[in-house]
Amino acid sequence: MNENWIFAYNRFRVKQGSGFFLKTAGFDHILKGNVAILEDKT
């Protein structure tokens, strides 16, 4: 139920998992200029 959130120019370093997990009508988000460093291979 998260509408139109903005994630811009962030760095996300993650040991295990994705950059973003979306569910249940999370919609109209803007993900712009971010860096995601995901250590796992899945």
PDB file of all heavy atoms in Angstrom:
ATOM      1  N   MET A   1       0.824  -1.202   0.000  1.00  0.00           N
ATOM      2  CA  MET A   1       0.000   0.000   0.000  1.00  0.00           C
ATOM      3  C   MET A   1       0.866   1.263   0.000  1.00  0.00           C
ATOM      4  O   MET A   1       0.410   2.335   0.400  1.00  0.00           O
ATOM      5  CB  MET A   1      -0.964   0.024   1.193  1.00  0.00           C
ATOM      6  CG  MET A   1      -2.054  -1.009   1.101  1.00  0.00           C
ATOM      7  SD  MET A   1      -3.117  -0.717  -0.315  1.00  0.00           S
ATOM      8  CE  MET A   1      -3.743  -2.367  -0.618  1.00  0.00           C
ATOM      9  N   ASN A   2       2.103   1.116  -0.468  1.00  0.00           N
ATOM     10  CA  ASN A   2       3.022   2.252  -0.534  1.00  0.00           C
ATOM     11  C   ASN A   2       2.919   2.881  -1.918  1.00  0.00           C
ATOM     12  O   ASN A   2       3.195   2.234  -2.916  1.00  0.00           O
ATOM     13  CB  ASN A   2       4.456   1.789  -0.278  1.00  0.00           C
ATOM     14  CG  ASN A   2       4.552   0.834   0.898  1.00  0.00           C
ATOM     15  OD1 ASN A   2       4.901  -0.330   0.721  1.00  0.00           O
ATOM     16  ND2 ASN A   2       4.218   1.302   2.077  1.00  0.00           N
ATOM     17  N   GLU A   3       2.526   4.137  -1.972  1.00  0.00           N
ATOM     18  CA  GLU A   3       2.278   4.811  -3.248  1.00  0.00           C
ATOM     19  C   GLU A   3       3.296   5.911  -3.507  1.00  0.00           C
ATOM     20  O   GLU A   3       3.507   6.784  -2.663  1.00  0.00           O
ATOM     21  CB  GLU A   3       0.870   5.425  -3.254  1.00  0.00           C
ATOM     22  CG  GLU A   3       0.565   6.243  -4.504  1.00  0.00           C
ATOM     23  CD  GLU A   3      -0.727   7.031  -4.406  1.00  0.00           C
ATOM     24  OE1 GLU A   3      -1.422   6.927  -3.376  1.00  0.00           O
ATOM     25  OE2 GLU A   3      -1.034   7.757  -5.370  1.00  0.00           O
ATOM     26  N   ASN A   4       3.928   5.865  -4.684  1.00  0.00           N
ATOM     27  CA  ASN A   4       4.711   6.986  -5.190  1.00  0.00           C
ATOM     28  C   ASN A   4       5.829   7.401  -4.225  1.00  0.00           C
ATOM     29  O   ASN A   4       6.036   8.576  -3.951  1.00  0.00           O
ATOM     30  CB  ASN A   4       3.789   8.171  -5.487  1.00  0.00           C
ATOM     31  CG  ASN A   4       4.472   9.246  -6.319  1.00  0.00           C
ATOM     32  OD1 ASN A   4       4.055  10.401  -6.292  1.00  0.00           O
ATOM     33  ND2 ASN A   4       5.519   8.898  -7.040  1.00  0.00           N
ATOM     34  N   TRP A   5       6.575   6.427  -3.748  1.00  0.00           N
ATOM     35  CA  TRP A   5       7.769   6.732  -2.975  1.00  0.00           C
ATOM     36  C   TRP A   5       8.924   6.992  -3.938  1.00  0.00           C
ATOM     37  O   TRP A   5       8.981   6.440  -5.042  1.00  0.00           O
ATOM     38  CB  TRP A   5       8.119   5.584  -2.038  1.00  0.00           C
ATOM     39  CG  TRP A   5       7.142   5.382  -0.910  1.00  0.00           C
ATOM     40  CD1 TRP A   5       5.809   5.668  -0.904  1.00  0.00           C
ATOM     41  CD2 TRP A   5       7.420   4.834   0.374  1.00  0.00           C
ATOM     42  NE1 TRP A   5       5.233   5.338   0.301  1.00  0.00           N
ATOM     43  CE2 TRP A   5       6.206   4.816   1.109  1.00  0.00           C
ATOM     44  CE3 TRP A   5       8.571   4.337   0.985  1.00  0.00           C
ATOM     45  CZ2 TRP A   5       6.120   4.333   2.414  1.00  0.00           C
ATOM     46  CZ3 TRP A   5       8.498   3.857   2.278  1.00  0.00           C
ATOM     47  CH2 TRP A   5       7.277   3.867   2.996  1.00  0.00           C
ATOM     48  N   ILE A   6       9.863   7.826  -3.510  1.00  0.00           N
ATOM     49  CA  ILE A   6      11.020   8.158  -4.325  1.00  0.00           C
ATOM     50  C   ILE A   6      12.288   7.710  -3.602  1.00  0.00           C
ATOM     51  O   ILE A   6      12.527   8.102  -2.448  1.00  0.00           O
ATOM     52  CB  ILE A   6      11.090   9.665  -4.628  1.00  0.00           C
ATOM     53  CG1 ILE A   6       9.857  10.107  -5.423  1.00  0.00           C
ATOM     54  CG2 ILE A   6      12.370  10.001  -5.386  1.00  0.00           C
ATOM     55  CD1 ILE A   6       9.787  11.605  -5.651  1.00  0.00           C
ATOM     56  N   PHE A   7      13.080   6.892  -4.278  1.00  0.00           N
ATOM     57  CA  PHE A   7      14.411   6.506  -3.809  1.00  0.00           C
ATOM     58  C   PHE A   7      15.404   7.009  -4.849  1.00  0.00           C
ATOM     59  O   PHE A   7      15.452   6.498  -5.972  1.00  0.00           O
ATOM     60  CB  PHE A   7      14.519   4.982  -3.670  1.00  0.00           C
ATOM     61  CG  PHE A   7      13.666   4.400  -2.585  1.00  0.00           C
ATOM     62  CD1 PHE A   7      12.324   4.113  -2.820  1.00  0.00           C
ATOM     63  CD2 PHE A   7      14.194   4.123  -1.325  1.00  0.00           C
ATOM     64  CE1 PHE A   7      11.529   3.567  -1.821  1.00  0.00           C
ATOM     65  CE2 PHE A   7      13.404   3.582  -0.325  1.00  0.00           C
ATOM     66  CZ  PHE A   7      12.069   3.299  -0.566  1.00  0.00           C
ATOM     67  N   ALA A   8      16.194   8.010  -4.486  1.00  0.00           N
ATOM     68  CA  ALA A   8      17.060   8.640  -5.473  1.00  0.00           C
ATOM     69  C   ALA A   8      18.469   8.836  -4.928  1.00  0.00           C
ATOM     70  O   ALA A   8      18.656   9.346  -3.823  1.00  0.00           O
ATOM     71  CB  ALA A   8      16.477   9.988  -5.896  1.00  0.00           C
ATOM     72  N   TYR A   9      19.460   8.405  -5.710  1.00  0.00           N
ATOM     73  CA  TYR A   9      20.871   8.649  -5.469  1.00  0.00           C
ATOM     74  C   TYR A   9      21.344   8.091  -4.131  1.00  0.00           C
ATOM     75  O   TYR A   9      22.094   8.730  -3.394  1.00  0.00           O
ATOM     76  CB  TYR A   9      21.179  10.148  -5.584  1.00  0.00           C
ATOM     77  CG  TYR A   9      20.736  10.712  -6.909  1.00  0.00           C
ATOM     78  CD1 TYR A   9      19.620  11.547  -6.993  1.00  0.00           C
ATOM     79  CD2 TYR A   9      21.394  10.365  -8.085  1.00  0.00           C
ATOM     80  CE1 TYR A   9      19.182  12.037  -8.219  1.00  0.00           C
ATOM     81  CE2 TYR A   9      20.962  10.849  -9.318  1.00  0.00           C
ATOM     82  CZ  TYR A   9      19.861  11.684  -9.375  1.00  0.00           C
ATOM     83  OH  TYR A   9      19.422  12.165 -10.594  1.00  0.00           O
ATOM     84  N   ASN A  10      20.894   6.886  -3.834  1.00  0.00           N
ATOM     85  CA  ASN A  10      21.330   6.174  -2.641  1.00  0.00           C
ATOM     86  C   ASN A  10      22.279   5.042  -3.027  1.00  0.00           C
ATOM     87  O   ASN A  10      22.265   4.548  -4.154  1.00  0.00           O
ATOM     88  CB  ASN A  10      20.127   5.569  -1.904  1.00  0.00           C
ATOM     89  CG  ASN A  10      19.053   6.594  -1.602  1.00  0.00           C
ATOM     90  OD1 ASN A  10      19.210   7.424  -0.728  1.00  0.00           O
ATOM     91  ND2 ASN A  10      17.947   6.534  -2.350  1.00  0.00           N
ATOM     92  N   ARG A  11      23.092   4.612  -2.057  1.00  0.00           N
ATOM     93  CA  ARG A  11      23.871   3.390  -2.228  1.00  0.00           C
ATOM     94  C   ARG A  11      23.385   2.363  -1.227  1.00  0.00           C
ATOM     95  O   ARG A  11      23.317   2.631  -0.025  1.00  0.00           O
ATOM     96  CB  ARG A  11      25.366   3.648  -2.022  1.00  0.00           C
ATOM     97  CG  ARG A  11      26.213   2.384  -2.237  1.00  0.00           C
ATOM     98  CD  ARG A  11      27.700   2.663  -2.163  1.00  0.00           C
ATOM     99  NE  ARG A  11      28.134   3.071  -0.829  1.00  0.00           N
ATOM    100  CZ  ARG A  11      29.426   3.162  -0.461  1.00  0.00           C
ATOM    101  NH1 ARG A  11      30.386   2.903  -1.350  1.00  0.00           N
ATOM    102  NH2 ARG A  11      29.735   3.547   0.757  1.00  0.00           N
ATOM    103  N   PHE A  12      23.056   1.166  -1.748  1.00  0.00           N
ATOM    104  CA  PHE A  12      22.598   0.061  -0.920  1.00  0.00           C
ATOM    105  C   PHE A  12      23.601  -1.087  -1.048  1.00  0.00           C
ATOM    106  O   PHE A  12      23.783  -1.637  -2.140  1.00  0.00           O
ATOM    107  CB  PHE A  12      21.220  -0.422  -1.363  1.00  0.00           C
ATOM    108  CG  PHE A  12      20.167   0.654  -1.415  1.00  0.00           C
ATOM    109  CD1 PHE A  12      19.644   1.080  -2.631  1.00  0.00           C
ATOM    110  CD2 PHE A  12      19.705   1.250  -0.259  1.00  0.00           C
ATOM    111  CE1 PHE A  12      18.675   2.051  -2.688  1.00  0.00           C
ATOM    112  CE2 PHE A  12      18.736   2.234  -0.301  1.00  0.00           C
ATOM    113  CZ  PHE A  12      18.212   2.645  -1.521  1.00  0.00           C
ATOM    114  N   ARG A  13      24.239  -1.443   0.043  1.00  0.00           N
ATOM    115  CA  ARG A  13      25.134  -2.597   0.075  1.00  0.00           C
ATOM    116  C   ARG A  13      24.428  -3.704   0.852  1.00  0.00           C
ATOM    117  O   ARG A  13      24.015  -3.484   1.996  1.00  0.00           O
ATOM    118  CB  ARG A  13      26.463  -2.217   0.720  1.00  0.00           C
ATOM    119  CG  ARG A  13      27.286  -1.215  -0.094  1.00  0.00           C
ATOM    120  CD  ARG A  13      28.381  -0.580   0.721  1.00  0.00           C
ATOM    121  NE  ARG A  13      27.834   0.326   1.722  1.00  0.00           N
ATOM    122  CZ  ARG A  13      28.530   0.775   2.786  1.00  0.00           C
ATOM    123  NH1 ARG A  13      29.757   0.359   2.980  1.00  0.00           N
ATOM    124  NH2 ARG A  13      27.957   1.589   3.634  1.00  0.00           N
ATOM    125  N   VAL A  14      24.305  -4.883   0.225  1.00  0.00           N
ATOM    126  CA  VAL A  14      23.455  -5.941   0.760  1.00  0.00           C
ATOM    127  C   VAL A  14      24.240  -7.243   0.831  1.00  0.00           C
ATOM    128  O   VAL A  14      24.812  -7.687  -0.176  1.00  0.00           O
ATOM    129  CB  VAL A  14      22.197  -6.136  -0.115  1.00  0.00           C
ATOM    130  CG1 VAL A  14      21.309  -7.234   0.460  1.00  0.00           C
ATOM    131  CG2 VAL A  14      21.422  -4.828  -0.241  1.00  0.00           C
ATOM    132  N   LYS A  15      24.221  -7.858   2.010  1.00  0.00           N
ATOM    133  CA  LYS A  15      24.904  -9.146   2.159  1.00  0.00           C
ATOM    134  C   LYS A  15      24.121 -10.280   1.506  1.00  0.00           C
ATOM    135  O   LYS A  15      24.682 -11.107   0.786  1.00  0.00           O
ATOM    136  CB  LYS A  15      25.127  -9.448   3.639  1.00  0.00           C
ATOM    137  CG  LYS A  15      25.880 -10.747   3.886  1.00  0.00           C
ATOM    138  CD  LYS A  15      26.141 -10.965   5.371  1.00  0.00           C
ATOM    139  CE  LYS A  15      26.920 -12.268   5.597  1.00  0.00           C
ATOM    140  NZ  LYS A  15      27.193 -12.501   7.035  1.00  0.00           N
ATOM    141  N   GLN A  16      22.803 -10.324   1.766  1.00  0.00           N
ATOM    142  CA  GLN A  16      21.974 -11.411   1.234  1.00  0.00           C
ATOM    143  C   GLN A  16      20.586 -10.869   0.938  1.00  0.00           C
ATOM    144  O   GLN A  16      19.869 -10.470   1.857  1.00  0.00           O
ATOM    145  CB  GLN A  16      21.870 -12.556   2.243  1.00  0.00           C
ATOM    146  CG  GLN A  16      21.043 -13.744   1.766  1.00  0.00           C
ATOM    147  CD  GLN A  16      21.734 -14.528   0.657  1.00  0.00           C
ATOM    148  OE1 GLN A  16      22.930 -14.798   0.756  1.00  0.00           O
ATOM    149  NE2 GLN A  16      21.004 -14.887  -0.378  1.00  0.00           N
ATOM    150  N   GLY A  17      20.207 -10.815  -0.325  1.00  0.00           N
ATOM    151  CA  GLY A  17      18.882 -10.336  -0.679  1.00  0.00           C
ATOM    152  C   GLY A  17      18.934  -9.340  -1.819  1.00  0.00           C
ATOM    153  O   GLY A  17      19.994  -9.027  -2.379  1.00  0.00           O
ATOM    154  N   SER A  18      17.764  -8.821  -2.159  1.00  0.00           N
ATOM    155  CA  SER A  18      17.623  -7.909  -3.291  1.00  0.00           C
ATOM    156  C   SER A  18      17.816  -6.462  -2.851  1.00  0.00           C
ATOM    157  O   SER A  18      17.953  -6.157  -1.664  1.00  0.00           O
ATOM    158  CB  SER A  18      16.238  -8.088  -3.913  1.00  0.00           C
ATOM    159  OG  SER A  18      15.226  -7.840  -2.960  1.00  0.00           O
ATOM    160  N   GLY A  19      17.794  -5.581  -3.841  1.00  0.00           N
ATOM    161  CA  GLY A  19      17.805  -4.161  -3.519  1.00  0.00           C
ATOM    162  C   GLY A  19      16.460  -3.708  -2.990  1.00  0.00           C
ATOM    163  O   GLY A  19      16.369  -3.033  -1.963  1.00  0.00           O
ATOM    164  N   PHE A  20      15.373  -4.114  -3.689  1.00  0.00           N
ATOM    165  CA  PHE A  20      14.020  -3.727  -3.303  1.00  0.00           C
ATOM    166  C   PHE A  20      13.112  -4.950  -3.311  1.00  0.00           C
ATOM    167  O   PHE A  20      13.159  -5.753  -4.245  1.00  0.00           O
ATOM    168  CB  PHE A  20      13.450  -2.682  -4.265  1.00  0.00           C
ATOM    169  CG  PHE A  20      14.091  -1.338  -4.165  1.00  0.00           C
ATOM    170  CD1 PHE A  20      15.293  -1.079  -4.805  1.00  0.00           C
ATOM    171  CD2 PHE A  20      13.501  -0.324  -3.434  1.00  0.00           C
ATOM    172  CE1 PHE A  20      15.891   0.166  -4.723  1.00  0.00           C
ATOM    173  CE2 PHE A  20      14.089   0.919  -3.329  1.00  0.00           C
ATOM    174  CZ  PHE A  20      15.291   1.175  -3.971  1.00  0.00           C
ATOM    175  N   PHE A  21      12.267  -5.065  -2.283  1.00  0.00           N
ATOM    176  CA  PHE A  21      11.246  -6.102  -2.173  1.00  0.00           C
ATOM    177  C   PHE A  21       9.904  -5.396  -2.164  1.00  0.00           C
ATOM    178  O   PHE A  21       9.613  -4.601  -1.246  1.00  0.00           O
ATOM    179  CB  PHE A  21      11.465  -6.900  -0.882  1.00  0.00           C
ATOM    180  CG  PHE A  21      10.419  -7.944  -0.601  1.00  0.00           C
ATOM    181  CD1 PHE A  21      10.652  -9.283  -0.895  1.00  0.00           C
ATOM    182  CD2 PHE A  21       9.199  -7.602  -0.021  1.00  0.00           C
ATOM    183  CE1 PHE A  21       9.698 -10.254  -0.609  1.00  0.00           C
ATOM    184  CE2 PHE A  21       8.233  -8.554   0.263  1.00  0.00           C
ATOM    185  CZ  PHE A  21       8.487  -9.889  -0.031  1.00  0.00           C
ATOM    186  N   LEU A  22       9.074  -5.647  -3.188  1.00  0.00           N
ATOM    187  CA  LEU A  22       7.787  -4.967  -3.303  1.00  0.00           C
ATOM    188  C   LEU A  22       6.653  -5.979  -3.249  1.00  0.00           C
ATOM    189  O   LEU A  22       6.737  -7.058  -3.846  1.00  0.00           O
ATOM    190  CB  LEU A  22       7.692  -4.199  -4.617  1.00  0.00           C
ATOM    191  CG  LEU A  22       8.796  -3.177  -4.916  1.00  0.00           C
ATOM    192  CD1 LEU A  22       8.511  -2.473  -6.222  1.00  0.00           C
ATOM    193  CD2 LEU A  22       8.939  -2.181  -3.788  1.00  0.00           C
ATOM    194  N   LYS A  23       5.551  -5.632  -2.550  1.00  0.00           N
ATOM    195  CA  LYS A  23       4.389  -6.499  -2.437  1.00  0.00           C
ATOM    196  C   LYS A  23       3.131  -5.676  -2.200  1.00  0.00           C
ATOM    197  O   LYS A  23       3.198  -4.505  -1.823  1.00  0.00           O
ATOM    198  CB  LYS A  23       4.568  -7.531  -1.302  1.00  0.00           C
ATOM    199  CG  LYS A  23       4.658  -6.897   0.090  1.00  0.00           C
ATOM    200  CD  LYS A  23       4.856  -7.943   1.192  1.00  0.00           C
ATOM    201  CE  LYS A  23       3.574  -8.666   1.551  1.00  0.00           C
ATOM    202  NZ  LYS A  23       2.598  -7.786   2.233  1.00  0.00           N
ATOM    203  N   THR A  24       1.973  -6.295  -2.398  1.00  0.00           N
ATOM    204  CA  THR A  24       0.663  -5.787  -1.977  1.00  0.00           C
ATOM    205  C   THR A  24       0.449  -4.326  -2.363  1.00  0.00           C
ATOM    206  O   THR A  24       0.401  -3.437  -1.520  1.00  0.00           O
ATOM    207  CB  THR A  24       0.467  -5.971  -0.461  1.00  0.00           C
ATOM    208  OG1 THR A  24       0.923  -7.256  -0.050  1.00  0.00           O
ATOM    209  CG2 THR A  24      -1.012  -5.815  -0.094  1.00  0.00           C
ATOM    210  N   ALA A  25       0.320  -4.097  -3.651  1.00  0.00           N
ATOM    211  CA  ALA A  25      -0.037  -2.762  -4.150  1.00  0.00           C
ATOM    212  C   ALA A  25       0.962  -1.693  -3.734  1.00  0.00           C
ATOM    213  O   ALA A  25       0.579  -0.591  -3.341  1.00  0.00           O
ATOM    214  CB  ALA A  25      -1.455  -2.377  -3.715  1.00  0.00           C
ATOM    215  N   GLY A  26       2.242  -2.015  -3.827  1.00  0.00           N
ATOM    216  CA  GLY A  26       3.250  -0.973  -3.775  1.00  0.00           C
ATOM    217  C   GLY A  26       3.438  -0.460  -5.193  1.00  0.00           C
ATOM    218  O   GLY A  26       3.915  -1.188  -6.060  1.00  0.00           O
ATOM    219  N   PHE A  27       3.045   0.792  -5.471  1.00  0.00           N
ATOM    220  CA  PHE A  27       2.940   1.207  -6.866  1.00  0.00           C
ATOM    221  C   PHE A  27       3.420   2.639  -7.089  1.00  0.00           C
ATOM    222  O   PHE A  27       3.510   3.444  -6.157  1.00  0.00           O
ATOM    223  CB  PHE A  27       1.500   1.048  -7.361  1.00  0.00           C
ATOM    224  CG  PHE A  27       0.485   1.921  -6.652  1.00  0.00           C
ATOM    225  CD1 PHE A  27       0.036   3.092  -7.229  1.00  0.00           C
ATOM    226  CD2 PHE A  27      -0.035   1.544  -5.409  1.00  0.00           C
ATOM    227  CE1 PHE A  27      -0.912   3.891  -6.598  1.00  0.00           C
ATOM    228  CE2 PHE A  27      -0.987   2.338  -4.769  1.00  0.00           C
ATOM    229  CZ  PHE A  27      -1.419   3.519  -5.357  1.00  0.00           C
ATOM    230  N   ASP A  28       3.756   2.907  -8.358  1.00  0.00           N
ATOM    231  CA  ASP A  28       4.159   4.238  -8.834  1.00  0.00           C
ATOM    232  C   ASP A  28       5.422   4.762  -8.151  1.00  0.00           C
ATOM    233  O   ASP A  28       5.603   5.980  -8.009  1.00  0.00           O
ATOM    234  CB  ASP A  28       3.018   5.255  -8.661  1.00  0.00           C
ATOM    235  CG  ASP A  28       1.872   5.013  -9.630  1.00  0.00           C
ATOM    236  OD1 ASP A  28       2.002   4.111 -10.480  1.00  0.00           O
ATOM    237  OD2 ASP A  28       0.847   5.706  -9.529  1.00  0.00           O
ATOM    238  N   HIS A  29       6.309   3.880  -7.754  1.00  0.00           N
ATOM    239  CA  HIS A  29       7.561   4.316  -7.148  1.00  0.00           C
ATOM    240  C   HIS A  29       8.553   4.762  -8.217  1.00  0.00           C
ATOM    241  O   HIS A  29       8.548   4.261  -9.347  1.00  0.00           O
ATOM    242  CB  HIS A  29       8.193   3.187  -6.332  1.00  0.00           C
ATOM    243  CG  HIS A  29       7.317   2.660  -5.243  1.00  0.00           C
ATOM    244  ND1 HIS A  29       6.549   3.476  -4.454  1.00  0.00           N
ATOM    245  CD2 HIS A  29       7.082   1.390  -4.805  1.00  0.00           C
ATOM    246  CE1 HIS A  29       5.879   2.739  -3.563  1.00  0.00           C
ATOM    247  NE2 HIS A  29       6.183   1.474  -3.779  1.00  0.00           N
ATOM    248  N   ILE A  30       9.432   5.692  -7.834  1.00  0.00           N
ATOM    249  CA  ILE A  30      10.513   6.144  -8.702  1.00  0.00           C
ATOM    250  C   ILE A  30      11.841   5.742  -8.061  1.00  0.00           C
ATOM    251  O   ILE A  30      12.149   6.171  -6.944  1.00  0.00           O
ATOM    252  CB  ILE A  30      10.460   7.668  -8.913  1.00  0.00           C
ATOM    253  CG1 ILE A  30       9.148   8.059  -9.600  1.00  0.00           C
ATOM    254  CG2 ILE A  30      11.666   8.132  -9.723  1.00  0.00           C
ATOM    255  CD1 ILE A  30       8.935   9.554  -9.706  1.00  0.00           C
ATOM    256  N   LEU A  31      12.607   4.906  -8.751  1.00  0.00           N
ATOM    257  CA  LEU A  31      13.930   4.481  -8.294  1.00  0.00           C
ATOM    258  C   LEU A  31      14.927   5.051  -9.294  1.00  0.00           C
ATOM    259  O   LEU A  31      15.029   4.576 -10.433  1.00  0.00           O
ATOM    260  CB  LEU A  31      14.023   2.954  -8.244  1.00  0.00           C
ATOM    261  CG  LEU A  31      12.846   2.189  -7.609  1.00  0.00           C
ATOM    262  CD1 LEU A  31      13.135   0.698  -7.587  1.00  0.00           C
ATOM    263  CD2 LEU A  31      12.547   2.701  -6.215  1.00  0.00           C
ATOM    264  N   LYS A  32      15.659   6.068  -8.873  1.00  0.00           N
ATOM    265  CA  LYS A  32      16.478   6.815  -9.820  1.00  0.00           C
ATOM    266  C   LYS A  32      17.886   7.033  -9.280  1.00  0.00           C
ATOM    267  O   LYS A  32      18.070   7.503  -8.146  1.00  0.00           O
ATOM    268  CB  LYS A  32      15.836   8.167 -10.122  1.00  0.00           C
ATOM    269  CG  LYS A  32      16.599   8.998 -11.152  1.00  0.00           C
ATOM    270  CD  LYS A  32      15.864  10.279 -11.502  1.00  0.00           C
ATOM    271  CE  LYS A  32      16.627  11.068 -12.564  1.00  0.00           C
ATOM    272  NZ  LYS A  32      15.905  12.313 -12.950  1.00  0.00           N
ATOM    273  N   GLY A  33      18.873   6.692 -10.087  1.00  0.00           N
ATOM    274  CA  GLY A  33      20.258   7.023  -9.783  1.00  0.00           C
ATOM    275  C   GLY A  33      20.851   6.292  -8.604  1.00  0.00           C
ATOM    276  O   GLY A  33      21.862   6.727  -8.057  1.00  0.00           O
ATOM    277  N   ASN A  34      20.252   5.159  -8.208  1.00  0.00           N
ATOM    278  CA  ASN A  34      20.756   4.415  -7.058  1.00  0.00           C
ATOM    279  C   ASN A  34      21.856   3.441  -7.477  1.00  0.00           C
ATOM    280  O   ASN A  34      21.918   2.995  -8.624  1.00  0.00           O
ATOM    281  CB  ASN A  34      19.617   3.627  -6.406  1.00  0.00           C
ATOM    282  CG  ASN A  34      18.486   4.523  -5.946  1.00  0.00           C
ATOM    283  OD1 ASN A  34      18.609   5.235  -4.970  1.00  0.00           O
ATOM    284  ND2 ASN A  34      17.367   4.498  -6.679  1.00  0.00           N
ATOM    285  N   VAL A  35      22.697   3.090  -6.516  1.00  0.00           N
ATOM    286  CA  VAL A  35      23.697   2.044  -6.672  1.00  0.00           C
ATOM    287  C   VAL A  35      23.352   0.920  -5.707  1.00  0.00           C
ATOM    288  O   VAL A  35      23.192   1.161  -4.503  1.00  0.00           O
ATOM    289  CB  VAL A  35      25.117   2.568  -6.377  1.00  0.00           C
ATOM    290  CG1 VAL A  35      26.111   1.414  -6.269  1.00  0.00           C
ATOM    291  CG2 VAL A  35      25.550   3.551  -7.454  1.00  0.00           C
ATOM    292  N   ALA A  36      23.207  -0.306  -6.225  1.00  0.00           N
ATOM    293  CA  ALA A  36      22.935  -1.467  -5.385  1.00  0.00           C
ATOM    294  C   ALA A  36      24.073  -2.465  -5.547  1.00  0.00           C
ATOM    295  O   ALA A  36      24.332  -2.942  -6.666  1.00  0.00           O
ATOM    296  CB  ALA A  36      21.615  -2.111  -5.763  1.00  0.00           C
ATOM    297  N   ILE A  37      24.750  -2.758  -4.452  1.00  0.00           N
ATOM    298  CA  ILE A  37      25.845  -3.726  -4.429  1.00  0.00           C
ATOM    299  C   ILE A  37      25.331  -4.968  -3.717  1.00  0.00           C
ATOM    300  O   ILE A  37      25.171  -4.963  -2.481  1.00  0.00           O
ATOM    301  CB  ILE A  37      27.083  -3.151  -3.717  1.00  0.00           C
ATOM    302  CG1 ILE A  37      27.527  -1.843  -4.404  1.00  0.00           C
ATOM    303  CG2 ILE A  37      28.222  -4.165  -3.709  1.00  0.00           C
ATOM    304  CD1 ILE A  37      28.578  -1.073  -3.624  1.00  0.00           C
ATOM    305  N   LEU A  38      25.012  -6.009  -4.475  1.00  0.00           N
ATOM    306  CA  LEU A  38      24.408  -7.224  -3.923  1.00  0.00           C
ATOM    307  C   LEU A  38      25.475  -8.314  -3.866  1.00  0.00           C
ATOM    308  O   LEU A  38      25.958  -8.780  -4.914  1.00  0.00           O
ATOM    309  CB  LEU A  38      23.223  -7.668  -4.780  1.00  0.00           C
ATOM    310  CG  LEU A  38      22.154  -6.600  -5.077  1.00  0.00           C
ATOM    311  CD1 LEU A  38      20.994  -7.232  -5.844  1.00  0.00           C
ATOM    312  CD2 LEU A  38      21.667  -5.928  -3.803  1.00  0.00           C
ATOM    313  N   GLU A  39      25.819  -8.748  -2.651  1.00  0.00           N
ATOM    314  CA  GLU A  39      26.924  -9.691  -2.487  1.00  0.00           C
ATOM    315  C   GLU A  39      26.554 -11.117  -2.885  1.00  0.00           C
ATOM    316  O   GLU A  39      27.430 -11.909  -3.221  1.00  0.00           O
ATOM    317  CB  GLU A  39      27.427  -9.650  -1.044  1.00  0.00           C
ATOM    318  CG  GLU A  39      28.050  -8.315  -0.656  1.00  0.00           C
ATOM    319  CD  GLU A  39      28.591  -8.318   0.761  1.00  0.00           C
ATOM    320  OE1 GLU A  39      28.668  -9.408   1.369  1.00  0.00           O
ATOM    321  OE2 GLU A  39      28.937  -7.225   1.265  1.00  0.00           O
ATOM    322  N   ASP A  40      25.258 -11.471  -2.814  1.00  0.00           N
ATOM    323  CA  ASP A  40      24.898 -12.835  -3.217  1.00  0.00           C
ATOM    324  C   ASP A  40      24.766 -12.916  -4.743  1.00  0.00           C
ATOM    325  O   ASP A  40      24.805 -11.897  -5.449  1.00  0.00           O
ATOM    326  CB  ASP A  40      23.631 -13.313  -2.516  1.00  0.00           C
ATOM    327  CG  ASP A  40      22.362 -12.600  -2.984  1.00  0.00           C
ATOM    328  OD1 ASP A  40      22.317 -12.151  -4.147  1.00  0.00           O
ATOM    329  OD2 ASP A  40      21.400 -12.486  -2.205  1.00  0.00           O
ATOM    330  N   LYS A  41      24.573 -14.108  -5.248  1.00  0.00           N
ATOM    331  CA  LYS A  41      24.500 -14.326  -6.696  1.00  0.00           C
ATOM    332  C   LYS A  41      23.100 -14.724  -7.154  1.00  0.00           C
ATOM    333  O   LYS A  41      22.918 -15.179  -8.281  1.00  0.00           O
ATOM    334  CB  LYS A  41      25.501 -15.403  -7.111  1.00  0.00           C
ATOM    335  CG  LYS A  41      26.950 -15.035  -6.838  1.00  0.00           C
ATOM    336  CD  LYS A  41      27.890 -16.153  -7.275  1.00  0.00           C
ATOM    337  CE  LYS A  41      29.343 -15.776  -7.000  1.00  0.00           C
ATOM    338  NZ  LYS A  41      30.297 -16.846  -7.420  1.00  0.00           N
ATOM    339  N   THR A  42      22.114 -14.523  -6.286  1.00  0.00           N
ATOM    340  CA  THR A  42      20.768 -15.018  -6.595  1.00  0.00           C
ATOM    341  C   THR A  42      19.694 -13.937  -6.640  1.00  0.00           C
ATOM    342  O   THR A  42      18.554 -14.232  -7.011  1.00  0.00           O
ATOM    343  CB  THR A  42      20.349 -16.072  -5.546  1.00  0.00           C
ATOM    344  OG1 THR A  42      20.318 -15.455  -4.243  1.00  0.00           O
ATOM    345  CG2 THR A  42      21.330 -17.234  -5.530  1.00  0.00           C
TER     346      THR A  42
END
